[in-house]
PDB file of N, CA and C in Angstrom:
ATOM      1  N   MET A   1     -28.299  -7.756 -12.450  1.00  0.00           N
ATOM      2  CA  MET A   1     -27.388  -8.033 -11.345  1.00  0.00           C
ATOM      3  C   MET A   1     -26.179  -8.793 -11.889  1.00  0.00           C
ATOM      4  N   ASN A   2     -25.001  -8.414 -11.424  1.00  0.00           N
ATOM      5  CA  ASN A   2     -23.753  -9.098 -11.762  1.00  0.00           C
ATOM      6  C   ASN A   2     -23.521 -10.223 -10.766  1.00  0.00           C
ATOM      7  N   ASN A   3     -22.889 -11.296 -11.231  1.00  0.00           N
ATOM      8  CA  ASN A   3     -22.541 -12.420 -10.356  1.00  0.00           C
ATOM      9  C   ASN A   3     -21.073 -12.753 -10.512  1.00  0.00           C
ATOM     10  N   VAL A   4     -20.422 -13.042  -9.388  1.00  0.00           N
ATOM     11  CA  VAL A   4     -19.057 -13.554  -9.411  1.00  0.00           C
ATOM     12  C   VAL A   4     -19.006 -14.818  -8.564  1.00  0.00           C
ATOM     13  N   HIS A   5     -18.131 -15.718  -8.961  1.00  0.00           N
ATOM     14  CA  HIS A   5     -17.981 -16.999  -8.269  1.00  0.00           C
ATOM     15  C   HIS A   5     -16.483 -17.229  -8.085  1.00  0.00           C
ATOM     16  N   TYR A   6     -16.077 -17.453  -6.841  1.00  0.00           N
ATOM     17  CA  TYR A   6     -14.664 -17.644  -6.535  1.00  0.00           C
ATOM     18  C   TYR A   6     -14.443 -18.983  -5.843  1.00  0.00           C
ATOM     19  N   ASN A   7     -13.313 -19.610  -6.154  1.00  0.00           N
ATOM     20  CA  ASN A   7     -12.799 -20.700  -5.341  1.00  0.00           C
ATOM     21  C   ASN A   7     -11.888 -20.038  -4.318  1.00  0.00           C
ATOM     22  N   VAL A   8     -12.086 -20.381  -3.045  1.00  0.00           N
ATOM     23  CA  VAL A   8     -11.401 -19.675  -1.970  1.00  0.00           C
ATOM     24  C   VAL A   8     -10.684 -20.672  -1.055  1.00  0.00           C
ATOM     25  N   ASN A   9      -9.413 -20.398  -0.773  1.00  0.00           N
ATOM     26  CA  ASN A   9      -8.661 -21.172   0.213  1.00  0.00           C
ATOM     27  C   ASN A   9      -8.723 -20.439   1.544  1.00  0.00           C
ATOM     28  N   GLY A  10      -8.847 -21.191   2.623  1.00  0.00           N
ATOM     29  CA  GLY A  10      -8.817 -20.585   3.946  1.00  0.00           C
ATOM     30  C   GLY A  10     -10.153 -20.546   4.660  1.00  0.00           C
ATOM     31  N   LEU A  11     -11.193 -21.109   4.060  1.00  0.00           N
ATOM     32  CA  LEU A  11     -12.484 -21.205   4.747  1.00  0.00           C
ATOM     33  C   LEU A  11     -12.470 -22.460   5.612  1.00  0.00           C
ATOM     34  N   TYR A  12     -12.041 -22.303   6.852  1.00  0.00           N
ATOM     35  CA  TYR A  12     -11.795 -23.470   7.698  1.00  0.00           C
ATOM     36  C   TYR A  12     -12.961 -23.881   8.586  1.00  0.00           C
ATOM     37  N   ASN A  13     -13.808 -22.916   8.949  1.00  0.00           N
ATOM     38  CA  ASN A  13     -14.843 -23.242   9.933  1.00  0.00           C
ATOM     39  C   ASN A  13     -16.065 -22.335   9.783  1.00  0.00           C
ATOM     40  N   ILE A  14     -17.090 -22.651  10.528  1.00  0.00           N
ATOM     41  CA  ILE A  14     -18.343 -21.899  10.441  1.00  0.00           C
ATOM     42  C   ILE A  14     -18.179 -20.444  10.893  1.00  0.00           C
ATOM     43  N   PRO A  15     -17.430 -20.147  11.966  1.00  0.00           N
ATOM     44  CA  PRO A  15     -17.257 -18.733  12.334  1.00  0.00           C
ATOM     45  C   PRO A  15     -16.601 -17.904  11.216  1.00  0.00           C
ATOM     46  N   MET A  16     -15.628 -18.490  10.501  1.00  0.00           N
ATOM     47  CA  MET A  16     -14.988 -17.771   9.405  1.00  0.00           C
ATOM     48  C   MET A  16     -15.980 -17.565   8.256  1.00  0.00           C
ATOM     49  N   LYS A  17     -16.805 -18.583   7.991  1.00  0.00           N
ATOM     50  CA  LYS A  17     -17.830 -18.477   6.952  1.00  0.00           C
ATOM     51  C   LYS A  17     -18.787 -17.340   7.296  1.00  0.00           C
ATOM     52  N   THR A  18     -19.221 -17.284   8.546  1.00  0.00           N
ATOM     53  CA  THR A  18     -20.150 -16.238   8.987  1.00  0.00           C
ATOM     54  C   THR A  18     -19.501 -14.861   8.894  1.00  0.00           C
ATOM     55  N   GLN A  19     -18.246 -14.757   9.304  1.00  0.00           N
ATOM     56  CA  GLN A  19     -17.533 -13.486   9.242  1.00  0.00           C
ATOM     57  C   GLN A  19     -17.427 -13.003   7.793  1.00  0.00           C
ATOM     58  N   LEU A  20     -17.098 -13.912   6.883  1.00  0.00           N
ATOM     59  CA  LEU A  20     -16.980 -13.552   5.475  1.00  0.00           C
ATOM     60  C   LEU A  20     -18.326 -13.125   4.901  1.00  0.00           C
ATOM     61  N   LYS A  21     -19.354 -13.884   5.185  1.00  0.00           N
ATOM     62  CA  LYS A  21     -20.705 -13.566   4.685  1.00  0.00           C
ATOM     63  C   LYS A  21     -21.152 -12.192   5.185  1.00  0.00           C
ATOM     64  N   ASN A  22     -20.959 -11.922   6.465  1.00  0.00           N
ATOM     65  CA  ASN A  22     -21.354 -10.630   7.037  1.00  0.00           C
ATOM     66  C   ASN A  22     -20.569  -9.476   6.416  1.00  0.00           C
ATOM     67  N   ALA A  23     -19.268  -9.671   6.221  1.00  0.00           N
ATOM     68  CA  ALA A  23     -18.433  -8.609   5.645  1.00  0.00           C
ATOM     69  C   ALA A  23     -18.860  -8.293   4.212  1.00  0.00           C
ATOM     70  N   LEU A  24     -19.160  -9.334   3.434  1.00  0.00           N
ATOM     71  CA  LEU A  24     -19.589  -9.110   2.052  1.00  0.00           C
ATOM     72  C   LEU A  24     -20.954  -8.442   1.997  1.00  0.00           C
ATOM     73  N   GLU A  25     -21.852  -8.827   2.880  1.00  0.00           N
ATOM     74  CA  GLU A  25     -23.196  -8.237   2.895  1.00  0.00           C
ATOM     75  C   GLU A  25     -23.177  -6.765   3.285  1.00  0.00           C
ATOM     76  N   GLU A  26     -22.117  -6.316   3.969  1.00  0.00           N
ATOM     77  CA  GLU A  26     -21.999  -4.912   4.358  1.00  0.00           C
ATOM     78  C   GLU A  26     -21.593  -4.012   3.190  1.00  0.00           C
ATOM     79  N   LEU A  27     -21.062  -4.613   2.109  1.00  0.00           N
ATOM     80  CA  LEU A  27     -20.682  -3.806   0.957  1.00  0.00           C
ATOM     81  C   LEU A  27     -21.931  -3.238   0.289  1.00  0.00           C
ATOM     82  N   ASP A  28     -21.914  -1.949   0.027  1.00  0.00           N
ATOM     83  CA  ASP A  28     -23.053  -1.294  -0.615  1.00  0.00           C
ATOM     84  C   ASP A  28     -23.211  -1.823  -2.031  1.00  0.00           C
ATOM     85  N   GLY A  29     -24.376  -2.359  -2.336  1.00  0.00           N
ATOM     86  CA  GLY A  29     -24.659  -2.887  -3.659  1.00  0.00           C
ATOM     87  C   GLY A  29     -24.713  -4.401  -3.717  1.00  0.00           C
ATOM     88  N   VAL A  30     -24.199  -5.071  -2.677  1.00  0.00           N
ATOM     89  CA  VAL A  30     -24.232  -6.542  -2.657  1.00  0.00           C
ATOM     90  C   VAL A  30     -25.644  -6.997  -2.336  1.00  0.00           C
ATOM     91  N   GLN A  31     -26.201  -7.844  -3.192  1.00  0.00           N
ATOM     92  CA  GLN A  31     -27.579  -8.308  -3.065  1.00  0.00           C
ATOM     93  C   GLN A  31     -27.677  -9.722  -2.499  1.00  0.00           C
ATOM     94  N   MET A  32     -26.677 -10.561  -2.795  1.00  0.00           N
ATOM     95  CA  MET A  32     -26.765 -11.973  -2.433  1.00  0.00           C
ATOM     96  C   MET A  32     -25.359 -12.501  -2.168  1.00  0.00           C
ATOM     97  N   VAL A  33     -25.215 -13.298  -1.101  1.00  0.00           N
ATOM     98  CA  VAL A  33     -23.940 -13.943  -0.781  1.00  0.00           C
ATOM     99  C   VAL A  33     -24.220 -15.398  -0.454  1.00  0.00           C
ATOM    100  N   ASN A  34     -23.478 -16.287  -1.097  1.00  0.00           N
ATOM    101  CA  ASN A  34     -23.578 -17.713  -0.809  1.00  0.00           C
ATOM    102  C   ASN A  34     -22.172 -18.246  -0.578  1.00  0.00           C
ATOM    103  N   VAL A  35     -21.886 -18.672   0.649  1.00  0.00           N
ATOM    104  CA  VAL A  35     -20.579 -19.223   0.992  1.00  0.00           C
ATOM    105  C   VAL A  35     -20.750 -20.718   1.233  1.00  0.00           C
ATOM    106  N   ASP A  36     -20.038 -21.533   0.459  1.00  0.00           N
ATOM    107  CA  ASP A  36     -20.100 -22.989   0.594  1.00  0.00           C
ATOM    108  C   ASP A  36     -18.809 -23.466   1.241  1.00  0.00           C
ATOM    109  N   LEU A  37     -18.906 -23.808   2.513  1.00  0.00           N
ATOM    110  CA  LEU A  37     -17.739 -24.212   3.292  1.00  0.00           C
ATOM    111  C   LEU A  37     -17.126 -25.505   2.759  1.00  0.00           C
ATOM    112  N   LYS A  38     -17.958 -26.473   2.425  1.00  0.00           N
ATOM    113  CA  LYS A  38     -17.468 -27.768   1.925  1.00  0.00           C
ATOM    114  C   LYS A  38     -16.710 -27.633   0.611  1.00  0.00           C
ATOM    115  N   GLN A  39     -17.284 -26.877  -0.315  1.00  0.00           N
ATOM    116  CA  GLN A  39     -16.671 -26.712  -1.637  1.00  0.00           C
ATOM    117  C   GLN A  39     -15.574 -25.646  -1.652  1.00  0.00           C
ATOM    118  N   GLY A  40     -15.576 -24.776  -0.642  1.00  0.00           N
ATOM    119  CA  GLY A  40     -14.608 -23.684  -0.605  1.00  0.00           C
ATOM    120  C   GLY A  40     -14.892 -22.646  -1.677  1.00  0.00           C
ATOM    121  N   THR A  41     -16.181 -22.325  -1.847  1.00  0.00           N
ATOM    122  CA  THR A  41     -16.569 -21.354  -2.870  1.00  0.00           C
ATOM    123  C   THR A  41     -17.382 -20.214  -2.286  1.00  0.00           C
ATOM    124  N   VAL A  42     -17.328 -19.091  -2.971  1.00  0.00           N
ATOM    125  CA  VAL A  42     -18.110 -17.915  -2.606  1.00  0.00           C
ATOM    126  C   VAL A  42     -18.765 -17.399  -3.880  1.00  0.00           C
ATOM    127  N   GLU A  43     -20.076 -17.187  -3.815  1.00  0.00           N
ATOM    128  CA  GLU A  43     -20.812 -16.597  -4.931  1.00  0.00           C
ATOM    129  C   GLU A  43     -21.456 -15.311  -4.433  1.00  0.00           C
ATOM    130  N   VAL A  44     -21.296 -14.252  -5.205  1.00  0.00           N
ATOM    131  CA  VAL A  44     -21.824 -12.952  -4.807  1.00  0.00           C
ATOM    132  C   VAL A  44     -22.594 -12.345  -5.975  1.00  0.00           C
ATOM    133  N   GLY A  45     -23.812 -11.892  -5.685  1.00  0.00           N
ATOM    134  CA  GLY A  45     -24.606 -11.133  -6.637  1.00  0.00           C
ATOM    135  C   GLY A  45     -24.582  -9.679  -6.208  1.00  0.00           C
ATOM    136  N   TYR A  46     -24.267  -8.791  -7.148  1.00  0.00           N
ATOM    137  CA  TYR A  46     -24.108  -7.386  -6.775  1.00  0.00           C
ATOM    138  C   TYR A  46     -24.506  -6.448  -7.902  1.00  0.00           C
ATOM    139  N   ASN A  47     -24.769  -5.223  -7.513  1.00  0.00           N
ATOM    140  CA  ASN A  47     -25.037  -4.112  -8.431  1.00  0.00           C
ATOM    141  C   ASN A  47     -24.118  -2.963  -8.053  1.00  0.00           C
ATOM    142  N   GLU A  48     -24.140  -1.910  -8.855  1.00  0.00           N
ATOM    143  CA  GLU A  48     -23.402  -0.685  -8.505  1.00  0.00           C
ATOM    144  C   GLU A  48     -23.882  -0.201  -7.147  1.00  0.00           C
ATOM    145  N   PRO A  49     -23.093   0.362  -6.306  1.00  0.00           N
ATOM    146  CA  PRO A  49     -21.713   0.784  -6.517  1.00  0.00           C
ATOM    147  C   PRO A  49     -20.675  -0.287  -6.190  1.00  0.00           C
ATOM    148  N   ALA A  50     -21.079  -1.496  -5.817  1.00  0.00           N
ATOM    149  CA  ALA A  50     -20.108  -2.551  -5.523  1.00  0.00           C
ATOM    150  C   ALA A  50     -19.338  -2.921  -6.788  1.00  0.00           C
ATOM    151  N   LYS A  51     -18.058  -3.265  -6.609  1.00  0.00           N
ATOM    152  CA  LYS A  51     -17.206  -3.677  -7.725  1.00  0.00           C
ATOM    153  C   LYS A  51     -16.596  -5.027  -7.396  1.00  0.00           C
ATOM    154  N   GLU A  52     -16.239  -5.757  -8.430  1.00  0.00           N
ATOM    155  CA  GLU A  52     -15.611  -7.063  -8.217  1.00  0.00           C
ATOM    156  C   GLU A  52     -14.320  -6.920  -7.415  1.00  0.00           C
ATOM    157  N   SER A  53     -13.578  -5.857  -7.647  1.00  0.00           N
ATOM    158  CA  SER A  53     -12.328  -5.653  -6.907  1.00  0.00           C
ATOM    159  C   SER A  53     -12.595  -5.463  -5.410  1.00  0.00           C
ATOM    160  N   ASP A  54     -13.695  -4.792  -5.052  1.00  0.00           N
ATOM    161  CA  ASP A  54     -14.053  -4.613  -3.639  1.00  0.00           C
ATOM    162  C   ASP A  54     -14.405  -5.949  -2.995  1.00  0.00           C
ATOM    163  N   ILE A  55     -15.106  -6.781  -3.737  1.00  0.00           N
ATOM    164  CA  ILE A  55     -15.496  -8.095  -3.224  1.00  0.00           C
ATOM    165  C   ILE A  55     -14.258  -8.947  -2.973  1.00  0.00           C
ATOM    166  N   ARG A  56     -13.351  -8.960  -3.936  1.00  0.00           N
ATOM    167  CA  ARG A  56     -12.105  -9.727  -3.811  1.00  0.00           C
ATOM    168  C   ARG A  56     -11.279  -9.235  -2.614  1.00  0.00           C
ATOM    169  N   LYS A  57     -11.164  -7.922  -2.459  1.00  0.00           N
ATOM    170  CA  LYS A  57     -10.410  -7.345  -1.339  1.00  0.00           C
ATOM    171  C   LYS A  57     -11.028  -7.730   0.001  1.00  0.00           C
ATOM    172  N   THR A  58     -12.351  -7.744   0.064  1.00  0.00           N
ATOM    173  CA  THR A  58     -13.036  -8.107   1.304  1.00  0.00           C
ATOM    174  C   THR A  58     -12.751  -9.557   1.664  1.00  0.00           C
ATOM    175  N   ILE A  59     -12.792 -10.444   0.688  1.00  0.00           N
ATOM    176  CA  ILE A  59     -12.495 -11.866   0.926  1.00  0.00           C
ATOM    177  C   ILE A  59     -11.074 -12.019   1.441  1.00  0.00           C
ATOM    178  N   GLU A  60     -10.129 -11.323   0.822  1.00  0.00           N
ATOM    179  CA  GLU A  60      -8.728 -11.431   1.228  1.00  0.00           C
ATOM    180  C   GLU A  60      -8.472 -10.774   2.575  1.00  0.00           C
ATOM    181  N   HIS A  61      -9.218  -9.715   2.892  1.00  0.00           N
ATOM    182  CA  HIS A  61      -9.065  -9.034   4.178  1.00  0.00           C
ATOM    183  C   HIS A  61      -9.460  -9.951   5.340  1.00  0.00           C
ATOM    184  N   ILE A  62     -10.419 -10.836   5.111  1.00  0.00           N
ATOM    185  CA  ILE A  62     -10.856 -11.778   6.140  1.00  0.00           C
ATOM    186  C   ILE A  62      -9.763 -12.821   6.417  1.00  0.00           C
ATOM    187  N   GLY A  63      -8.864 -13.008   5.458  1.00  0.00           N
ATOM    188  CA  GLY A  63      -7.779 -13.979   5.643  1.00  0.00           C
ATOM    189  C   GLY A  63      -7.860 -15.158   4.696  1.00  0.00           C
ATOM    190  N   CYS A  64      -8.747 -15.076   3.715  1.00  0.00           N
ATOM    191  CA  CYS A  64      -8.871 -16.136   2.715  1.00  0.00           C
ATOM    192  C   CYS A  64      -8.110 -15.718   1.460  1.00  0.00           C
ATOM    193  N   LYS A  65      -7.791 -16.700   0.646  1.00  0.00           N
ATOM    194  CA  LYS A  65      -7.088 -16.431  -0.602  1.00  0.00           C
ATOM    195  C   LYS A  65      -7.976 -16.833  -1.773  1.00  0.00           C
ATOM    196  N   VAL A  66      -8.190 -15.892  -2.684  1.00  0.00           N
ATOM    197  CA  VAL A  66      -8.975 -16.163  -3.892  1.00  0.00           C
ATOM    198  C   VAL A  66      -8.073 -16.879  -4.893  1.00  0.00           C
ATOM    199  N   GLU A  67      -8.546 -18.012  -5.410  1.00  0.00           N
ATOM    200  CA  GLU A  67      -7.737 -18.753  -6.395  1.00  0.00           C
ATOM    201  C   GLU A  67      -7.971 -18.213  -7.787  1.00  0.00           C
TER     202      GLU A  67
END
């Protein structure tokens, strides 16, 4: 399994955290999602066919910015 860890700006509240977690979990191949609201981080464990670029796009589509 591949893992990526991002520092993310724009995680302001629990509803946004839930929306981001749900959107990432819908990606085919994503096995694990951990969103830390306090630290402003997102960790994703994934396999094919998911790609790091898809994960990044999903985070940005929600309205967050990957640092």
